[in-house]
Amino acid sequence: MSAGPVVCIVLGTRPELVKLAPVIRACERRGVDYSLVHTGQHYSRALDGVFFDDLSIPEPDHHLGVGSGSHAEQTGEMIEAVEAVVADEDPEIVVVQGDTNSSLAGGVVASKLPTTLAHVEAGLRSYDREMPEEVNRVLVDHVADSLLAPTERARENLRAEGLPDERIVVTGNTVVDAVREHARVAADRSTVLDDVGVEAGEFLLLTAHRQENVDDPDRFGRLLEGVARYADRVGLPVVYPVHPRAAERIESSGVDVPDAIRTVEPLRYLDFLRLEDDAALVFTDSGGVQEEACVLGTPCVTLRDSTERPETVTVGANRVAGVDPESVVAAAEAMCDRPGDWENPFGDGDAADRVLDALVGSRSESDREVTT
């Protein structure tokens, strides 16, 4: 038994905060000793600090302040900084989530120290190795001791790569926990509809920030053109909270943002959740937003050539369109009137407890997994 915390949770981006918040709360509820390490991958007080407030989780025990840089620079700095914390704390378990550079750094560190590495959201695959996120998630899965898969499809992906069954537990996706815990709060507290001047059901929502989309001015321009064409066709405005990466690319490359698209500053979690819930349709290149829209019953169009969330497509909640304007419009037309009564493929909202059950025990064996 180590003298340090039972669990050390490493995170660095807002999607990780959202999806690990239920796990953090479950640790507190069940008296599991934990520490929280924030790498600083996405950090600014305006973006991350309010997320801690909205999600009702404590500030990190360690803030590493790594910030931006090339993939190699950022990941290398994170590995060095995370290693110092983990070596000093000597936790029994290091938990990482998803496919970020923070997840990769935490995974590399834990795999080389005498601690158990647990990967929340293991087994997702887009099969597009040009995506940095795909490389990250595959590498972390193959060094992890505990693979916490959100769905049966994710489990099968891991099995297909030769990873043993005894490492894999299907927990459901903690995004369901987070959305269900906060959607009602967002509806009660958020004034974002008035703030941006839209009415429920009478606007479209856009997120676009991924490297493969915004770093290529031609691709980014076509993406925006497709969304704007559909908006003009149906006479609805588009609300686009602009990620700092995308804002910098718009400024530096001269990408034109069509008049139909209203750009706004990045939003706090509850405000963004309210927009997702009340939008007529969501356009996104974010995996997490695909999941959240699916859980909320909001139709979604994915502005990428592939998705690691194929379950959303299978149940009819999402369509993968790429960025060709005609394809984007056609996908939006196919999704716009889709009733949001599809089956949620990501579990029952009890994923955080199943994660802890898999790591520290407590329930009977028959309750450890969820069928998704």
Protein backbone atom coordinates (compact mmCIF):
# COMPACT_ATOMS: atom_id res chain seq x y z
CA MET A 1 0.00 0.00 0.00
CA SER A 2 1.47 3.34 -1.01
CA ALA A 3 1.59 6.30 1.36
CA GLY A 4 0.22 8.60 -1.33
CA PRO A 5 -3.32 8.96 -2.69
CA VAL A 6 -5.14 5.90 -3.96
CA VAL A 7 -5.92 7.64 -7.27
CA CYS A 8 -4.05 10.36 -9.15
CA ILE A 9 -6.18 11.90 -11.92
CA VAL A 10 -4.26 13.58 -14.75
CA LEU A 11 -6.13 15.94 -17.08
CA GLY A 12 -5.49 19.05 -19.12
CA THR A 13 -8.38 19.99 -21.39
CA ARG A 14 -11.99 21.00 -20.96
CA PRO A 15 -13.44 17.76 -22.41
CA GLU A 16 -11.38 15.84 -19.86
CA LEU A 17 -12.72 18.06 -17.07
CA VAL A 18 -16.30 17.37 -18.16
CA LYS A 19 -15.86 13.60 -18.44
CA LEU A 20 -13.76 13.15 -15.32
CA ALA A 21 -15.89 15.41 -13.11
CA PRO A 22 -18.31 12.53 -12.35
CA VAL A 23 -15.35 10.32 -11.42
CA ILE A 24 -13.97 13.02 -9.12
CA ARG A 25 -17.35 13.43 -7.45
CA ALA A 26 -17.66 9.66 -7.09
CA CYS A 27 -14.26 9.60 -5.35
CA GLU A 28 -15.47 12.22 -2.90
CA ARG A 29 -18.81 10.51 -2.34
CA ARG A 30 -17.16 7.14 -1.69
CA GLY A 31 -14.23 8.43 0.34
CA VAL A 32 -11.54 7.44 -2.18
CA ASP A 33 -8.37 9.46 -1.57
CA TYR A 34 -7.37 11.22 -4.80
CA SER A 35 -5.25 14.03 -6.15
CA LEU A 36 -5.90 16.11 -9.24
CA VAL A 37 -3.14 17.09 -11.66
CA HIS A 38 -3.87 19.71 -14.34
CA THR A 39 -1.21 19.85 -17.05
CA GLY A 40 -2.37 23.25 -18.30
CA GLN A 41 -2.79 22.03 -21.88
CA HIS A 42 -5.83 24.29 -22.47
CA TYR A 43 -5.49 26.54 -19.50
CA SER A 44 -6.80 30.06 -19.15
CA ARG A 45 -8.89 31.23 -16.25
CA ALA A 46 -11.61 32.35 -18.64
CA LEU A 47 -11.82 28.89 -20.21
CA ASP A 48 -10.87 26.36 -17.54
CA GLY A 49 -11.43 28.06 -14.22
CA VAL A 50 -15.14 28.54 -14.77
CA PHE A 51 -15.41 24.89 -15.80
CA PHE A 52 -14.26 23.86 -12.31
CA ASP A 53 -16.94 26.16 -10.91
CA ASP A 54 -19.70 24.91 -13.22
CA LEU A 55 -18.81 21.27 -12.62
CA SER A 56 -18.56 21.75 -8.83
CA ILE A 57 -15.14 20.13 -8.56
CA PRO A 58 -12.19 21.41 -6.54
CA GLU A 59 -9.25 23.26 -8.00
CA PRO A 60 -6.31 20.98 -8.91
CA ASP A 61 -3.82 19.90 -6.29
CA HIS A 62 -1.11 20.46 -8.89
CA HIS A 63 -1.20 22.90 -11.79
CA LEU A 64 1.73 22.29 -14.11
CA GLY A 65 1.17 25.27 -16.43
CA VAL A 66 2.60 23.60 -19.51
CA GLY A 67 0.57 25.57 -22.05
CA SER A 68 0.83 25.33 -25.82
CA GLY A 69 3.61 24.31 -28.20
CA SER A 70 4.26 21.68 -30.84
CA HIS A 71 3.02 18.18 -30.04
CA ALA A 72 6.55 17.10 -29.15
CA GLU A 73 7.32 20.18 -27.04
CA GLN A 74 4.03 20.08 -25.19
CA THR A 75 4.02 16.33 -24.56
CA GLY A 76 7.67 16.30 -23.53
CA GLU A 77 7.16 19.07 -20.98
CA MET A 78 4.10 17.29 -19.64
CA ILE A 79 5.91 13.97 -19.24
CA GLU A 80 8.67 15.60 -17.23
CA ALA A 81 6.26 17.58 -15.02
CA VAL A 82 3.77 14.75 -14.47
CA GLU A 83 6.56 12.31 -13.64
CA ALA A 84 7.80 14.56 -10.83
CA VAL A 85 4.31 14.70 -9.27
CA VAL A 86 3.54 10.99 -9.64
CA ALA A 87 6.95 9.92 -8.34
CA ASP A 88 6.52 12.18 -5.31
CA GLU A 89 2.91 11.16 -4.57
CA ASP A 90 3.34 7.43 -5.29
CA PRO A 91 -0.35 6.72 -6.01
CA GLU A 92 -1.75 3.24 -6.44
CA ILE A 93 -3.56 4.21 -9.66
CA VAL A 94 -3.05 6.91 -12.30
CA VAL A 95 -6.21 7.75 -14.25
CA VAL A 96 -6.15 9.38 -17.69
CA GLN A 97 -9.06 10.00 -20.04
CA GLY A 98 -9.46 10.07 -23.78
CA ASP A 99 -6.97 11.01 -26.46
CA THR A 100 -5.21 14.26 -25.57
CA ASN A 101 -1.51 14.99 -25.19
CA SER A 102 -2.20 15.16 -21.44
CA SER A 103 -3.58 11.63 -21.55
CA LEU A 104 -0.55 10.43 -23.49
CA ALA A 105 1.86 12.11 -21.08
CA GLY A 106 0.14 10.63 -18.04
CA GLY A 107 0.09 7.24 -19.72
CA VAL A 108 3.79 7.27 -20.56
CA VAL A 109 4.70 8.30 -17.01
CA ALA A 110 2.48 5.73 -15.28
CA SER A 111 3.60 2.92 -17.58
CA LYS A 112 7.21 3.42 -16.47
CA LEU A 113 6.54 3.70 -12.72
CA PRO A 114 5.27 1.09 -10.22
CA THR A 115 1.64 2.22 -10.42
CA THR A 116 -1.49 1.01 -12.22
CA LEU A 117 -2.52 2.96 -15.31
CA ALA A 118 -6.27 3.23 -15.97
CA HIS A 119 -7.58 4.62 -19.26
CA VAL A 120 -11.12 6.00 -19.12
CA GLU A 121 -12.82 5.90 -22.55
CA ALA A 122 -10.52 3.18 -23.87
CA GLY A 123 -11.04 1.52 -27.22
CA LEU A 124 -12.33 4.36 -29.38
CA ARG A 125 -11.07 4.20 -32.95
CA SER A 126 -11.53 6.41 -36.00
CA TYR A 127 -8.97 4.38 -38.00
CA ASP A 128 -7.54 7.65 -39.26
CA ARG A 129 -3.89 7.66 -38.24
CA GLU A 130 -3.43 11.20 -39.54
CA MET A 131 -5.33 12.41 -36.48
CA PRO A 132 -2.98 13.05 -33.53
CA GLU A 133 -5.79 12.00 -31.22
CA GLU A 134 -5.99 8.57 -32.84
CA VAL A 135 -2.29 7.97 -32.24
CA ASN A 136 -2.62 9.10 -28.63
CA ARG A 137 -5.56 6.85 -27.80
CA VAL A 138 -3.98 3.77 -29.37
CA LEU A 139 -0.69 4.27 -27.54
CA VAL A 140 -2.37 4.81 -24.17
CA ASP A 141 -4.57 1.73 -24.62
CA HIS A 142 -1.56 -0.46 -25.29
CA VAL A 143 0.31 0.57 -22.14
CA ALA A 144 -2.71 0.71 -19.81
CA ASP A 145 -3.33 -1.90 -17.13
CA SER A 146 -7.06 -1.16 -16.87
CA LEU A 147 -9.06 -0.40 -20.01
CA LEU A 148 -12.38 1.24 -19.15
CA ALA A 149 -14.33 0.99 -22.39
CA PRO A 150 -17.50 3.08 -22.85
CA THR A 151 -19.29 0.61 -25.16
CA GLU A 152 -19.23 -2.98 -26.38
CA ARG A 153 -17.92 -1.73 -29.73
CA ALA A 154 -14.96 -0.16 -27.95
CA ARG A 155 -14.31 -3.47 -26.17
CA GLU A 156 -14.30 -5.28 -29.50
CA ASN A 157 -11.82 -2.76 -30.91
CA LEU A 158 -9.46 -3.54 -28.04
CA ARG A 159 -9.89 -7.30 -28.46
CA ALA A 160 -9.15 -6.97 -32.17
CA GLU A 161 -5.80 -5.42 -31.28
CA GLY A 162 -4.91 -8.36 -29.04
CA LEU A 163 -5.52 -6.71 -25.69
CA PRO A 164 -6.62 -9.28 -23.09
CA ASP A 165 -10.15 -9.48 -21.76
CA GLU A 166 -9.00 -9.35 -18.15
CA ARG A 167 -7.87 -5.74 -18.64
CA ILE A 168 -11.17 -4.58 -20.16
CA VAL A 169 -14.35 -3.46 -18.38
CA VAL A 170 -17.30 -1.84 -20.15
CA THR A 171 -18.39 1.00 -17.88
CA GLY A 172 -20.58 3.17 -20.08
CA ASN A 173 -19.49 6.70 -20.90
CA THR A 174 -19.11 9.28 -18.16
CA VAL A 175 -20.44 11.89 -20.59
CA VAL A 176 -23.93 10.58 -19.77
CA ASP A 177 -23.32 11.15 -16.06
CA ALA A 178 -22.10 14.69 -16.76
CA VAL A 179 -24.92 15.66 -19.12
CA ARG A 180 -27.66 14.27 -16.92
CA GLU A 181 -26.21 15.92 -13.82
CA HIS A 182 -25.90 19.34 -15.43
CA ALA A 183 -28.53 19.77 -18.18
CA ARG A 184 -31.25 20.75 -15.71
CA VAL A 185 -28.89 23.09 -13.89
CA ALA A 186 -28.00 24.70 -17.22
CA ALA A 187 -31.67 25.17 -18.10
CA ASP A 188 -32.31 26.86 -14.74
CA ARG A 189 -29.20 29.02 -14.49
CA SER A 190 -27.93 29.85 -17.96
CA THR A 191 -28.99 33.06 -19.67
CA VAL A 192 -26.99 32.28 -22.80
CA LEU A 193 -29.98 32.31 -25.18
CA ASP A 194 -30.74 35.91 -24.25
CA ASP A 195 -27.05 36.77 -24.18
CA VAL A 196 -26.49 35.72 -27.81
CA GLY A 197 -29.96 36.73 -28.99
CA VAL A 198 -31.51 33.43 -30.06
CA GLU A 199 -34.61 31.42 -29.15
CA ALA A 200 -34.79 27.74 -28.29
CA GLY A 201 -35.09 25.60 -31.43
CA GLU A 202 -34.49 28.61 -33.69
CA PHE A 203 -30.72 28.47 -34.15
CA LEU A 204 -27.90 26.18 -35.24
CA LEU A 205 -24.77 25.49 -33.19
CA LEU A 206 -21.26 25.08 -34.62
CA THR A 207 -18.00 23.94 -33.09
CA ALA A 208 -14.87 23.61 -35.22
CA HIS A 209 -11.40 23.46 -33.76
CA ARG A 210 -9.60 20.28 -34.83
CA GLN A 211 -6.16 20.61 -36.34
CA GLU A 212 -7.08 18.88 -39.59
CA ASN A 213 -9.92 21.37 -40.15
CA VAL A 214 -8.70 24.75 -38.94
CA ASP A 215 -5.01 24.50 -39.89
CA ASP A 216 -5.91 24.15 -43.57
CA PRO A 217 -7.43 27.48 -44.74
CA ASP A 218 -9.12 25.91 -47.76
CA ARG A 219 -10.68 23.12 -45.71
CA PHE A 220 -11.73 25.52 -42.96
CA GLY A 221 -13.29 27.86 -45.51
CA ARG A 222 -15.26 25.05 -47.15
CA LEU A 223 -16.50 23.88 -43.74
CA LEU A 224 -17.79 27.34 -42.89
CA GLU A 225 -19.32 27.75 -46.36
CA GLY A 226 -21.28 24.50 -46.03
CA VAL A 227 -22.68 25.42 -42.63
CA ALA A 228 -23.61 28.91 -43.84
CA ARG A 229 -25.31 27.56 -46.96
CA TYR A 230 -27.59 25.41 -44.86
CA ALA A 231 -28.25 28.25 -42.42
CA ASP A 232 -29.26 30.53 -45.28
CA ARG A 233 -31.48 27.82 -46.72
CA VAL A 234 -33.46 27.37 -43.49
CA GLY A 235 -33.23 30.98 -42.33
CA LEU A 236 -31.62 30.25 -38.99
CA PRO A 237 -28.55 31.89 -37.45
CA VAL A 238 -25.47 29.86 -36.48
CA VAL A 239 -23.85 30.37 -33.09
CA TYR A 240 -20.12 29.58 -33.21
CA PRO A 241 -18.15 29.71 -29.94
CA VAL A 242 -14.65 30.08 -31.35
CA HIS A 243 -11.85 28.07 -29.78
CA PRO A 244 -8.60 30.07 -29.44
CA ARG A 245 -6.87 27.83 -31.99
CA ALA A 246 -9.58 28.51 -34.58
CA ALA A 247 -9.64 32.23 -33.77
CA GLU A 248 -5.90 32.49 -34.38
CA ARG A 249 -6.23 30.65 -37.70
CA ILE A 250 -9.07 32.91 -38.83
CA GLU A 251 -6.97 35.96 -38.01
CA SER A 252 -3.70 34.73 -39.51
CA SER A 253 -5.00 33.08 -42.68
CA GLY A 254 -7.79 35.48 -43.59
CA VAL A 255 -10.49 32.80 -43.61
CA ASP A 256 -13.83 34.47 -44.28
CA VAL A 257 -16.60 33.80 -41.76
CA PRO A 258 -19.94 34.10 -43.60
CA ASP A 259 -22.58 36.50 -42.31
CA ALA A 260 -24.91 33.67 -41.26
CA ILE A 261 -22.37 32.56 -38.63
CA ARG A 262 -22.23 34.55 -35.38
CA THR A 263 -18.90 34.08 -33.66
CA VAL A 264 -18.88 34.36 -29.88
CA GLU A 265 -16.21 33.96 -27.22
CA PRO A 266 -15.64 30.47 -25.74
CA LEU A 267 -18.45 29.64 -23.34
CA ARG A 268 -18.54 28.20 -19.86
CA TYR A 269 -19.79 24.64 -19.60
CA LEU A 270 -23.36 25.30 -18.47
CA ASP A 271 -23.90 27.88 -21.22
CA PHE A 272 -22.58 25.58 -23.92
CA LEU A 273 -24.68 22.68 -22.63
CA ARG A 274 -27.78 24.89 -22.79
CA LEU A 275 -27.01 25.77 -26.42
CA GLU A 276 -26.51 22.09 -27.30
CA ASP A 277 -29.82 21.20 -25.68
CA ASP A 278 -31.82 23.96 -27.39
CA ALA A 279 -30.23 24.02 -30.86
CA ALA A 280 -32.21 22.81 -33.86
CA LEU A 281 -29.06 21.10 -35.13
CA VAL A 282 -25.41 20.85 -34.09
CA PHE A 283 -22.48 20.97 -36.52
CA THR A 284 -19.23 19.81 -34.94
CA ASP A 285 -15.80 18.27 -35.38
CA SER A 286 -15.64 17.36 -31.68
CA GLY A 287 -16.07 13.80 -30.49
CA GLY A 288 -17.40 14.92 -27.13
CA VAL A 289 -20.01 17.18 -28.71
CA GLN A 290 -21.20 14.26 -30.88
CA GLU A 291 -21.78 12.30 -27.68
CA GLU A 292 -23.43 15.13 -25.77
CA ALA A 293 -25.81 15.95 -28.63
CA CYS A 294 -26.74 12.27 -28.84
CA VAL A 295 -27.52 12.11 -25.10
CA LEU A 296 -29.51 15.37 -25.26
CA GLY A 297 -31.57 14.29 -28.29
CA THR A 298 -30.21 17.03 -30.57
CA PRO A 299 -29.47 16.02 -34.20
CA CYS A 300 -25.80 16.30 -35.15
CA VAL A 301 -23.69 16.62 -38.31
CA THR A 302 -20.01 15.76 -37.96
CA LEU A 303 -17.64 17.90 -40.01
CA ARG A 304 -14.96 15.25 -40.41
CA ASP A 305 -14.23 12.35 -42.72
CA SER A 306 -14.52 9.74 -39.95
CA THR A 307 -15.67 9.38 -36.36
CA GLU A 308 -14.53 7.37 -33.37
CA ARG A 309 -18.12 7.60 -32.08
CA PRO A 310 -19.83 5.37 -34.69
CA GLU A 311 -22.52 4.45 -32.16
CA THR A 312 -24.03 7.91 -32.68
CA VAL A 313 -24.38 7.19 -36.40
CA THR A 314 -25.79 3.71 -35.82
CA VAL A 315 -28.64 4.97 -33.62
CA GLY A 316 -29.49 7.79 -36.06
CA ALA A 317 -28.28 10.72 -33.94
CA ASN A 318 -25.41 11.79 -36.18
CA ARG A 319 -24.25 11.87 -39.79
CA VAL A 320 -20.61 12.17 -40.90
CA ALA A 321 -20.41 14.76 -43.69
CA GLY A 322 -16.80 15.78 -44.22
CA VAL A 323 -16.42 19.45 -45.16
CA ASP A 324 -17.55 19.59 -48.78
CA PRO A 325 -20.32 22.24 -48.77
CA GLU A 326 -22.80 20.12 -50.73
CA SER A 327 -22.21 17.14 -48.44
CA VAL A 328 -22.62 19.31 -45.35
CA VAL A 329 -25.95 20.68 -46.63
CA ALA A 330 -27.20 17.21 -47.61
CA ALA A 331 -26.30 15.77 -44.20
CA ALA A 332 -28.00 18.68 -42.43
CA GLU A 333 -31.15 18.26 -44.48
CA ALA A 334 -31.21 14.56 -43.62
CA MET A 335 -30.83 15.27 -39.90
CA CYS A 336 -32.82 18.48 -39.41
CA ASP A 337 -36.22 16.94 -38.73
CA ARG A 338 -34.95 13.81 -37.04
CA PRO A 339 -36.83 13.28 -33.75
CA GLY A 340 -34.41 12.92 -30.86
CA ASP A 341 -35.94 9.69 -29.56
CA TRP A 342 -33.04 7.43 -30.55
CA GLU A 343 -31.63 4.98 -28.03
CA ASN A 344 -28.73 6.37 -26.01
CA PRO A 345 -25.80 4.03 -26.79
CA PHE A 346 -23.52 5.25 -23.98
CA GLY A 347 -25.03 3.71 -20.89
CA ASP A 348 -27.26 4.57 -17.97
CA GLY A 349 -25.48 7.50 -16.34
CA ASP A 350 -23.73 5.34 -13.75
CA ALA A 351 -20.37 5.12 -15.52
CA ALA A 352 -18.35 6.97 -12.88
CA ASP A 353 -19.28 4.46 -10.19
CA ARG A 354 -18.46 1.60 -12.55
CA VAL A 355 -15.06 3.17 -13.19
CA LEU A 356 -14.36 3.21 -9.46
CA ASP A 357 -15.78 -0.29 -9.04
CA ALA A 358 -13.29 -1.51 -11.64
CA LEU A 359 -10.40 0.28 -9.96
CA VAL A 360 -11.04 0.00 -6.22
CA GLY A 361 -13.96 -2.44 -5.97
CA SER A 362 -17.19 -2.40 -3.96
CA ARG A 363 -20.01 -3.84 -6.04
CA SER A 364 -20.82 -7.43 -6.86
CA GLU A 365 -19.17 -8.78 -10.00
CA SER A 366 -22.52 -8.88 -11.84
CA ASP A 367 -22.88 -5.08 -11.49
CA ARG A 368 -19.41 -4.17 -12.71
CA GLU A 369 -20.33 -3.76 -16.36
CA VAL A 370 -23.04 -2.08 -18.33
CA THR A 371 -24.52 -3.34 -21.58
CA THR A 372 -24.40 -0.56 -24.18
